[in-house]
Amino acid sequence: MIQLKSPREIDTMAEGGRVLADTIVMLRDEVRPGMTTLELDRIAEDFIRSHDGAIPSFKGLYGFPGSLCTSINHEIVHGIPSKKRLLLNGDLLSIDVGVKFGGMFTDAATTVAIGEVDVTSQRLLDVTERALNAGINAAQPGSHIGDIGAAVQEVVEAAGFSVVRDLVGHGVGYKPHEDEPQVPNYGKPKRGTKLMPGLTIAIEPMVNAGGARMRTLPDRWTIVTADGSRSAHFEHTVAITEQGPRVLTSPG
């Protein structure tokens, strides 16, 4: 069942979302070749907990061991932070993080270039972020979930890349992942759930440079591209309001 949030609850989500957004900004500044993903995870957890009332919501969620999901190159999502995972010049690193604050949850992700990356990798980053913005702009009251997916899909496929179809965005707020609605990154306009004020969703394009197919590694967490191509992931938590989409994971 879809659970609409009150204006007060949305404001609380925005407070937690600012902590989350500031965490991502800080991590983008901190990350560099030679770091391990576990170092980055510890920096993120310390930063989140330094804000009164904020905790990293991914840690322990469904048994996940980290505060961040750190996914490198062909890893799409759910990469586990590790002291063995060294970041190298030319890598792409997707950072996915959640925050609980005031009893409410927010979720966001970004993908960063480690040092200098090749032209295709940089274009993948640019296209995926542009697709996220297109999806957010389509999240207008009275529109439909399909309008979001269609907007994302159009940007991605026009660039010659592939949308991951087996993973979707989601409702968020009372829980890190609410059962409804699901928010695919493909679709047809005017189809699916109608977007109503009070709806809070995570819009998160996951885009592959190659084909759309994926597989899960033996660790049962890390999901990778089936063809070994690189992947990028950008995400914001968004509230539908009478005035239009409100991004709740913007820096303070």
C-alpha atoms as a PDB file:
ATOM      1  CA  MET A   1       0.000   0.000   0.000  1.00  0.00           C
ATOM      2  CA  ILE A   2       1.250   3.480  -0.874  1.00  0.00           C
ATOM      3  CA  GLN A   3       1.709   5.649   2.218  1.00  0.00           C
ATOM      4  CA  LEU A   4       1.510   9.406   1.700  1.00  0.00           C
ATOM      5  CA  LYS A   5       3.551  11.621   4.011  1.00  0.00           C
ATOM      6  CA  SER A   6       2.393  14.744   5.799  1.00  0.00           C
ATOM      7  CA  PRO A   7       4.112  18.109   5.177  1.00  0.00           C
ATOM      8  CA  ARG A   8       5.737  17.788   8.613  1.00  0.00           C
ATOM      9  CA  GLU A   9       7.068  14.331   7.798  1.00  0.00           C
ATOM     10  CA  ILE A  10       8.406  15.557   4.458  1.00  0.00           C
ATOM     11  CA  ASP A  11      10.210  18.400   6.242  1.00  0.00           C
ATOM     12  CA  THR A  12      11.751  15.854   8.629  1.00  0.00           C
ATOM     13  CA  MET A  13      12.886  13.796   5.642  1.00  0.00           C
ATOM     14  CA  ALA A  14      14.442  16.938   4.162  1.00  0.00           C
ATOM     15  CA  GLU A  15      16.417  17.505   7.391  1.00  0.00           C
ATOM     16  CA  GLY A  16      17.814  13.983   7.213  1.00  0.00           C
ATOM     17  CA  GLY A  17      18.260  14.391   3.473  1.00  0.00           C
ATOM     18  CA  ARG A  18      20.531  17.370   4.009  1.00  0.00           C
ATOM     19  CA  VAL A  19      22.769  15.253   6.238  1.00  0.00           C
ATOM     20  CA  LEU A  20      22.797  12.594   3.531  1.00  0.00           C
ATOM     21  CA  ALA A  21      23.554  15.111   0.767  1.00  0.00           C
ATOM     22  CA  ASP A  22      26.337  16.709   2.810  1.00  0.00           C
ATOM     23  CA  THR A  23      27.760  13.209   3.342  1.00  0.00           C
ATOM     24  CA  ILE A  24      27.898  12.651  -0.412  1.00  0.00           C
ATOM     25  CA  VAL A  25      29.526  16.045  -1.016  1.00  0.00           C
ATOM     26  CA  MET A  26      32.121  15.254   1.650  1.00  0.00           C
ATOM     27  CA  LEU A  27      32.824  11.813   0.172  1.00  0.00           C
ATOM     28  CA  ARG A  28      33.257  13.260  -3.327  1.00  0.00           C
ATOM     29  CA  ASP A  29      35.933  15.559  -1.882  1.00  0.00           C
ATOM     30  CA  GLU A  30      37.624  12.802   0.147  1.00  0.00           C
ATOM     31  CA  VAL A  31      37.782   9.997  -2.407  1.00  0.00           C
ATOM     32  CA  ARG A  32      41.103   9.506  -4.207  1.00  0.00           C
ATOM     33  CA  PRO A  33      43.258   6.797  -5.760  1.00  0.00           C
ATOM     34  CA  GLY A  34      44.857   4.563  -3.129  1.00  0.00           C
ATOM     35  CA  MET A  35      41.939   4.619  -0.688  1.00  0.00           C
ATOM     36  CA  THR A  36      40.049   1.482   0.195  1.00  0.00           C
ATOM     37  CA  THR A  37      36.280   1.347   0.111  1.00  0.00           C
ATOM     38  CA  LEU A  38      36.296   0.426   3.809  1.00  0.00           C
ATOM     39  CA  GLU A  39      38.134   3.672   4.613  1.00  0.00           C
ATOM     40  CA  LEU A  40      35.439   5.572   2.766  1.00  0.00           C
ATOM     41  CA  ASP A  41      32.731   3.682   4.630  1.00  0.00           C
ATOM     42  CA  ARG A  42      34.201   4.562   8.017  1.00  0.00           C
ATOM     43  CA  ILE A  43      34.524   8.230   7.061  1.00  0.00           C
ATOM     44  CA  ALA A  44      30.877   8.271   5.995  1.00  0.00           C
ATOM     45  CA  GLU A  45      29.598   6.579   9.156  1.00  0.00           C
ATOM     46  CA  ASP A  46      31.532   8.942  11.416  1.00  0.00           C
ATOM     47  CA  PHE A  47      30.263  11.969   9.498  1.00  0.00           C
ATOM     48  CA  ILE A  48      26.614  10.858   9.589  1.00  0.00           C
ATOM     49  CA  ARG A  49      26.721  10.040  13.306  1.00  0.00           C
ATOM     50  CA  SER A  50      28.329  13.432  14.039  1.00  0.00           C
ATOM     51  CA  HIS A  51      24.910  14.953  13.286  1.00  0.00           C
ATOM     52  CA  ASP A  52      22.646  14.655  16.313  1.00  0.00           C
ATOM     53  CA  GLY A  53      19.891  12.112  15.698  1.00  0.00           C
ATOM     54  CA  ALA A  54      21.232  10.844  12.357  1.00  0.00           C
ATOM     55  CA  ILE A  55      22.302   7.249  11.770  1.00  0.00           C
ATOM     56  CA  PRO A  56      23.407   5.362   8.628  1.00  0.00           C
ATOM     57  CA  SER A  57      20.336   3.351   7.686  1.00  0.00           C
ATOM     58  CA  PHE A  58      22.033   0.768   5.469  1.00  0.00           C
ATOM     59  CA  LYS A  59      24.237  -0.665   8.213  1.00  0.00           C
ATOM     60  CA  GLY A  60      22.655  -3.963   9.258  1.00  0.00           C
ATOM     61  CA  LEU A  61      19.747  -3.543   6.823  1.00  0.00           C
ATOM     62  CA  TYR A  62      18.846  -7.064   5.632  1.00  0.00           C
ATOM     63  CA  GLY A  63      22.231  -8.047   7.098  1.00  0.00           C
ATOM     64  CA  PHE A  64      24.313  -5.626   4.977  1.00  0.00           C
ATOM     65  CA  PRO A  65      27.629  -4.958   6.775  1.00  0.00           C
ATOM     66  CA  GLY A  66      28.401  -1.406   5.613  1.00  0.00           C
ATOM     67  CA  SER A  67      27.090   2.131   5.915  1.00  0.00           C
ATOM     68  CA  LEU A  68      27.730   2.611   2.191  1.00  0.00           C
ATOM     69  CA  CYS A  69      27.248   0.494  -0.873  1.00  0.00           C
ATOM     70  CA  THR A  70      30.482   0.955  -2.840  1.00  0.00           C
ATOM     71  CA  SER A  71      30.315  -0.440  -6.373  1.00  0.00           C
ATOM     72  CA  ILE A  72      33.291  -0.232  -8.725  1.00  0.00           C
ATOM     73  CA  ASN A  73      33.293  -0.162 -12.542  1.00  0.00           C
ATOM     74  CA  HIS A  74      31.124  -3.098 -13.727  1.00  0.00           C
ATOM     75  CA  GLU A  75      29.422  -3.390 -10.320  1.00  0.00           C
ATOM     76  CA  ILE A  76      25.949  -1.880 -10.598  1.00  0.00           C
ATOM     77  CA  VAL A  77      24.874  -1.764  -6.941  1.00  0.00           C
ATOM     78  CA  HIS A  78      25.343  -3.269  -3.453  1.00  0.00           C
ATOM     79  CA  GLY A  79      29.134  -3.520  -3.471  1.00  0.00           C
ATOM     80  CA  ILE A  80      30.405  -4.294   0.052  1.00  0.00           C
ATOM     81  CA  PRO A  81      33.041  -1.942   1.527  1.00  0.00           C
ATOM     82  CA  SER A  82      36.298  -3.815   2.076  1.00  0.00           C
ATOM     83  CA  LYS A  83      39.878  -3.179   3.137  1.00  0.00           C
ATOM     84  CA  LYS A  84      40.843  -5.278   0.101  1.00  0.00           C
ATOM     85  CA  ARG A  85      39.102  -3.024  -2.440  1.00  0.00           C
ATOM     86  CA  LEU A  86      41.646  -0.398  -3.457  1.00  0.00           C
ATOM     87  CA  LEU A  87      40.461   2.505  -5.603  1.00  0.00           C
ATOM     88  CA  LEU A  88      42.627   3.023  -8.681  1.00  0.00           C
ATOM     89  CA  ASN A  89      43.079   5.898 -11.077  1.00  0.00           C
ATOM     90  CA  GLY A  90      40.502   5.529 -13.853  1.00  0.00           C
ATOM     91  CA  ASP A  91      37.916   3.670 -11.766  1.00  0.00           C
ATOM     92  CA  LEU A  92      34.252   4.581 -11.493  1.00  0.00           C
ATOM     93  CA  LEU A  93      32.882   4.338  -7.953  1.00  0.00           C
ATOM     94  CA  SER A  94      29.162   4.332  -7.193  1.00  0.00           C
ATOM     95  CA  ILE A  95      28.351   5.436  -3.640  1.00  0.00           C
ATOM     96  CA  ASP A  96      24.862   4.632  -2.326  1.00  0.00           C
ATOM     97  CA  VAL A  97      23.924   5.765   1.176  1.00  0.00           C
ATOM     98  CA  GLY A  98      20.862   6.092   3.397  1.00  0.00           C
ATOM     99  CA  VAL A  99      20.132   8.102   6.527  1.00  0.00           C
ATOM    100  CA  LYS A 100      17.549   7.696   9.278  1.00  0.00           C
ATOM    101  CA  PHE A 101      16.619  10.916  11.048  1.00  0.00           C
ATOM    102  CA  GLY A 102      13.585  11.709  13.185  1.00  0.00           C
ATOM    103  CA  GLY A 103      12.177   8.269  12.436  1.00  0.00           C
ATOM    104  CA  MET A 104      12.160   8.923   8.674  1.00  0.00           C
ATOM    105  CA  PHE A 105      14.439   7.571   5.940  1.00  0.00           C
ATOM    106  CA  THR A 106      16.109   9.091   2.872  1.00  0.00           C
ATOM    107  CA  ASP A 107      18.249   7.485   0.175  1.00  0.00           C
ATOM    108  CA  ALA A 108      20.664   8.880  -2.433  1.00  0.00           C
ATOM    109  CA  ALA A 109      23.548   7.822  -4.656  1.00  0.00           C
ATOM    110  CA  THR A 110      26.219   9.265  -6.888  1.00  0.00           C
ATOM    111  CA  THR A 111      28.949   7.860  -9.128  1.00  0.00           C
ATOM    112  CA  VAL A 112      32.370   9.506  -9.139  1.00  0.00           C
ATOM    113  CA  ALA A 113      35.448   9.282 -11.307  1.00  0.00           C
ATOM    114  CA  ILE A 114      38.615   8.265  -9.478  1.00  0.00           C
ATOM    115  CA  GLY A 115      41.323  10.445 -11.005  1.00  0.00           C
ATOM    116  CA  GLU A 116      41.172  10.581 -14.805  1.00  0.00           C
ATOM    117  CA  VAL A 117      38.670   8.344 -16.609  1.00  0.00           C
ATOM    118  CA  ASP A 118      38.214   7.518 -20.283  1.00  0.00           C
ATOM    119  CA  VAL A 119      35.809   9.417 -22.514  1.00  0.00           C
ATOM    120  CA  THR A 120      33.105   6.735 -22.501  1.00  0.00           C
ATOM    121  CA  SER A 121      33.140   6.515 -18.716  1.00  0.00           C
ATOM    122  CA  GLN A 122      32.780  10.278 -18.368  1.00  0.00           C
ATOM    123  CA  ARG A 123      29.918  10.286 -20.854  1.00  0.00           C
ATOM    124  CA  LEU A 124      28.259   7.481 -18.891  1.00  0.00           C
ATOM    125  CA  LEU A 125      28.406   9.636 -15.761  1.00  0.00           C
ATOM    126  CA  ASP A 126      27.026  12.675 -17.560  1.00  0.00           C
ATOM    127  CA  VAL A 127      24.180  10.772 -19.220  1.00  0.00           C
ATOM    128  CA  THR A 128      23.137   8.972 -16.027  1.00  0.00           C
ATOM    129  CA  GLU A 129      23.007  12.206 -14.034  1.00  0.00           C
ATOM    130  CA  ARG A 130      21.069  13.865 -16.845  1.00  0.00           C
ATOM    131  CA  ALA A 131      18.652  10.928 -16.851  1.00  0.00           C
ATOM    132  CA  LEU A 132      18.090  11.375 -13.103  1.00  0.00           C
ATOM    133  CA  ASN A 133      17.275  15.045 -13.621  1.00  0.00           C
ATOM    134  CA  ALA A 134      14.869  14.156 -16.428  1.00  0.00           C
ATOM    135  CA  GLY A 135      13.133  11.651 -14.166  1.00  0.00           C
ATOM    136  CA  ILE A 136      12.815  14.222 -11.381  1.00  0.00           C
ATOM    137  CA  ASN A 137      11.400  16.833 -13.754  1.00  0.00           C
ATOM    138  CA  ALA A 138       8.790  14.296 -14.896  1.00  0.00           C
ATOM    139  CA  ALA A 139       7.645  13.676 -11.303  1.00  0.00           C
ATOM    140  CA  GLN A 140       4.846  16.233 -11.412  1.00  0.00           C
ATOM    141  CA  PRO A 141       1.595  15.955  -9.433  1.00  0.00           C
ATOM    142  CA  GLY A 142      -1.030  14.310 -11.623  1.00  0.00           C
ATOM    143  CA  SER A 143       1.554  12.559 -13.774  1.00  0.00           C
ATOM    144  CA  HIS A 144       2.326   8.851 -13.495  1.00  0.00           C
ATOM    145  CA  ILE A 145       5.214   6.558 -12.558  1.00  0.00           C
ATOM    146  CA  GLY A 146       5.489   5.671 -16.250  1.00  0.00           C
ATOM    147  CA  ASP A 147       6.273   9.307 -17.065  1.00  0.00           C
ATOM    148  CA  ILE A 148       9.363   9.098 -14.832  1.00  0.00           C
ATOM    149  CA  GLY A 149      10.582   5.859 -16.401  1.00  0.00           C
ATOM    150  CA  ALA A 150       9.914   7.096 -19.940  1.00  0.00           C
ATOM    151  CA  ALA A 151      11.917  10.289 -19.290  1.00  0.00           C
ATOM    152  CA  VAL A 152      14.880   8.336 -17.908  1.00  0.00           C
ATOM    153  CA  GLN A 153      14.772   5.759 -20.698  1.00  0.00           C
ATOM    154  CA  GLU A 154      14.671   8.399 -23.424  1.00  0.00           C
ATOM    155  CA  VAL A 155      17.840  10.115 -22.209  1.00  0.00           C
ATOM    156  CA  VAL A 156      19.740   6.856 -21.689  1.00  0.00           C
ATOM    157  CA  GLU A 157      18.857   5.109 -24.915  1.00  0.00           C
ATOM    158  CA  ALA A 158      19.378   8.242 -27.018  1.00  0.00           C
ATOM    159  CA  ALA A 159      22.980   8.153 -25.786  1.00  0.00           C
ATOM    160  CA  GLY A 160      23.402   4.500 -26.803  1.00  0.00           C
ATOM    161  CA  PHE A 161      23.483   3.136 -23.250  1.00  0.00           C
ATOM    162  CA  SER A 162      21.203   0.612 -21.493  1.00  0.00           C
ATOM    163  CA  VAL A 163      18.808   1.005 -18.580  1.00  0.00           C
ATOM    164  CA  VAL A 164      19.023  -1.732 -15.946  1.00  0.00           C
ATOM    165  CA  ARG A 165      15.502  -3.203 -15.965  1.00  0.00           C
ATOM    166  CA  ASP A 166      15.686  -5.720 -13.133  1.00  0.00           C
ATOM    167  CA  LEU A 167      16.359  -3.070 -10.472  1.00  0.00           C
ATOM    168  CA  VAL A 168      14.035  -0.157  -9.740  1.00  0.00           C
ATOM    169  CA  GLY A 169      13.529   2.913  -7.600  1.00  0.00           C
ATOM    170  CA  HIS A 170      11.088   2.677  -4.721  1.00  0.00           C
ATOM    171  CA  GLY A 171       8.942   4.323  -2.130  1.00  0.00           C
ATOM    172  CA  VAL A 172      10.903   5.643   0.844  1.00  0.00           C
ATOM    173  CA  GLY A 173      10.147   7.446   4.094  1.00  0.00           C
ATOM    174  CA  TYR A 174       8.712   5.249   6.816  1.00  0.00           C
ATOM    175  CA  LYS A 175      11.131   2.524   5.748  1.00  0.00           C
ATOM    176  CA  PRO A 176      14.326   2.555   3.654  1.00  0.00           C
ATOM    177  CA  HIS A 177      12.463   0.594   0.975  1.00  0.00           C
ATOM    178  CA  GLU A 178       8.679   0.798   0.947  1.00  0.00           C
ATOM    179  CA  ASP A 179       6.844  -1.896  -0.969  1.00  0.00           C
ATOM    180  CA  GLU A 180       4.986   0.588  -3.176  1.00  0.00           C
ATOM    181  CA  PRO A 181       5.360   2.187  -5.537  1.00  0.00           C
ATOM    182  CA  GLN A 182       8.150   0.670  -7.565  1.00  0.00           C
ATOM    183  CA  VAL A 183       9.809   3.225  -9.853  1.00  0.00           C
ATOM    184  CA  PRO A 184      11.277   1.568 -12.982  1.00  0.00           C
ATOM    185  CA  ASN A 185      13.754   3.467 -15.135  1.00  0.00           C
ATOM    186  CA  TYR A 186      11.815   2.641 -18.284  1.00  0.00           C
ATOM    187  CA  GLY A 187       8.162   2.786 -19.209  1.00  0.00           C
ATOM    188  CA  LYS A 188       5.390   4.489 -21.105  1.00  0.00           C
ATOM    189  CA  PRO A 189       3.933   7.916 -20.317  1.00  0.00           C
ATOM    190  CA  LYS A 190       0.603   8.081 -18.480  1.00  0.00           C
ATOM    191  CA  ARG A 191       0.957   4.501 -17.222  1.00  0.00           C
ATOM    192  CA  GLY A 192       1.263   3.204 -13.679  1.00  0.00           C
ATOM    193  CA  THR A 193       0.616   4.788 -10.310  1.00  0.00           C
ATOM    194  CA  LYS A 194      -0.619   8.379 -10.337  1.00  0.00           C
ATOM    195  CA  LEU A 195       1.732  10.799  -8.595  1.00  0.00           C
ATOM    196  CA  MET A 196      -0.045  12.470  -5.681  1.00  0.00           C
ATOM    197  CA  PRO A 197       1.174  15.142  -3.251  1.00  0.00           C
ATOM    198  CA  GLY A 198       2.646  13.420  -0.206  1.00  0.00           C
ATOM    199  CA  LEU A 199       4.212  10.601  -2.211  1.00  0.00           C
ATOM    200  CA  THR A 200       7.934  10.204  -1.483  1.00  0.00           C
ATOM    201  CA  ILE A 201      10.058   8.108  -3.833  1.00  0.00           C
ATOM    202  CA  ALA A 202      13.659   7.285  -4.639  1.00  0.00           C
ATOM    203  CA  ILE A 203      14.361   7.917  -8.313  1.00  0.00           C
ATOM    204  CA  GLU A 204      17.574   6.094  -9.228  1.00  0.00           C
ATOM    205  CA  PRO A 205      18.712   5.454 -12.795  1.00  0.00           C
ATOM    206  CA  MET A 206      21.188   2.589 -13.054  1.00  0.00           C
ATOM    207  CA  VAL A 207      22.781   2.725 -16.496  1.00  0.00           C
ATOM    208  CA  ASN A 208      25.168   0.339 -18.252  1.00  0.00           C
ATOM    209  CA  ALA A 209      27.597   1.250 -20.997  1.00  0.00           C
ATOM    210  CA  GLY A 210      26.855  -2.142 -22.574  1.00  0.00           C
ATOM    211  CA  GLY A 211      23.829  -4.421 -22.305  1.00  0.00           C
ATOM    212  CA  ALA A 212      21.112  -4.274 -19.664  1.00  0.00           C
ATOM    213  CA  ARG A 213      21.562  -7.786 -18.291  1.00  0.00           C
ATOM    214  CA  MET A 214      23.038  -8.333 -14.833  1.00  0.00           C
ATOM    215  CA  ARG A 215      24.057 -11.080 -12.423  1.00  0.00           C
ATOM    216  CA  THR A 216      24.755 -11.410  -8.700  1.00  0.00           C
ATOM    217  CA  LEU A 217      28.211 -12.350  -7.386  1.00  0.00           C
ATOM    218  CA  PRO A 218      28.746 -15.237  -4.931  1.00  0.00           C
ATOM    219  CA  ASP A 219      28.774 -12.772  -1.987  1.00  0.00           C
ATOM    220  CA  ARG A 220      24.990 -12.590  -2.665  1.00  0.00           C
ATOM    221  CA  TRP A 221      25.078  -8.792  -2.529  1.00  0.00           C
ATOM    222  CA  THR A 222      27.124  -7.338  -5.362  1.00  0.00           C
ATOM    223  CA  ILE A 223      25.218  -7.042  -8.638  1.00  0.00           C
ATOM    224  CA  VAL A 224      27.321  -6.645 -11.795  1.00  0.00           C
ATOM    225  CA  THR A 225      26.784  -6.194 -15.509  1.00  0.00           C
ATOM    226  CA  ALA A 226      26.557  -9.540 -17.294  1.00  0.00           C
ATOM    227  CA  ASP A 227      28.878  -8.380 -20.074  1.00  0.00           C
ATOM    228  CA  GLY A 228      31.471  -6.695 -17.836  1.00  0.00           C
ATOM    229  CA  SER A 229      30.674  -3.200 -19.102  1.00  0.00           C
ATOM    230  CA  ARG A 230      30.823  -0.249 -16.747  1.00  0.00           C
ATOM    231  CA  SER A 231      27.782   1.024 -14.881  1.00  0.00           C
ATOM    232  CA  ALA A 232      26.724   4.290 -13.203  1.00  0.00           C
ATOM    233  CA  HIS A 233      24.090   5.037 -10.557  1.00  0.00           C
ATOM    234  CA  PHE A 234      22.602   8.361  -9.477  1.00  0.00           C
ATOM    235  CA  GLU A 235      19.721   8.763  -7.015  1.00  0.00           C
ATOM    236  CA  HIS A 236      17.669  11.332  -5.116  1.00  0.00           C
ATOM    237  CA  THR A 237      14.778  11.069  -2.694  1.00  0.00           C
ATOM    238  CA  VAL A 238      11.932  13.163  -4.099  1.00  0.00           C
ATOM    239  CA  ALA A 239       8.612  14.311  -2.633  1.00  0.00           C
ATOM    240  CA  ILE A 240       5.654  15.029  -4.881  1.00  0.00           C
ATOM    241  CA  THR A 241       4.103  18.356  -3.859  1.00  0.00           C
ATOM    242  CA  GLU A 242       1.376  20.613  -5.236  1.00  0.00           C
ATOM    243  CA  GLN A 243       4.164  22.868  -6.531  1.00  0.00           C
ATOM    244  CA  GLY A 244       6.046  20.031  -8.241  1.00  0.00           C
ATOM    245  CA  PRO A 245       8.869  17.645  -7.297  1.00  0.00           C
ATOM    246  CA  ARG A 246      10.879  18.549  -4.196  1.00  0.00           C
ATOM    247  CA  VAL A 247      14.339  16.988  -3.947  1.00  0.00           C
ATOM    248  CA  LEU A 248      14.826  16.030  -0.306  1.00  0.00           C
ATOM    249  CA  THR A 249      18.480  15.008  -0.599  1.00  0.00           C
ATOM    250  CA  SER A 250      19.978  18.384  -1.508  1.00  0.00           C
ATOM    251  CA  PRO A 251      23.002  19.799   0.355  1.00  0.00           C
ATOM    252  CA  GLY A 252      22.322  22.196   3.230  1.00  0.00           C
END
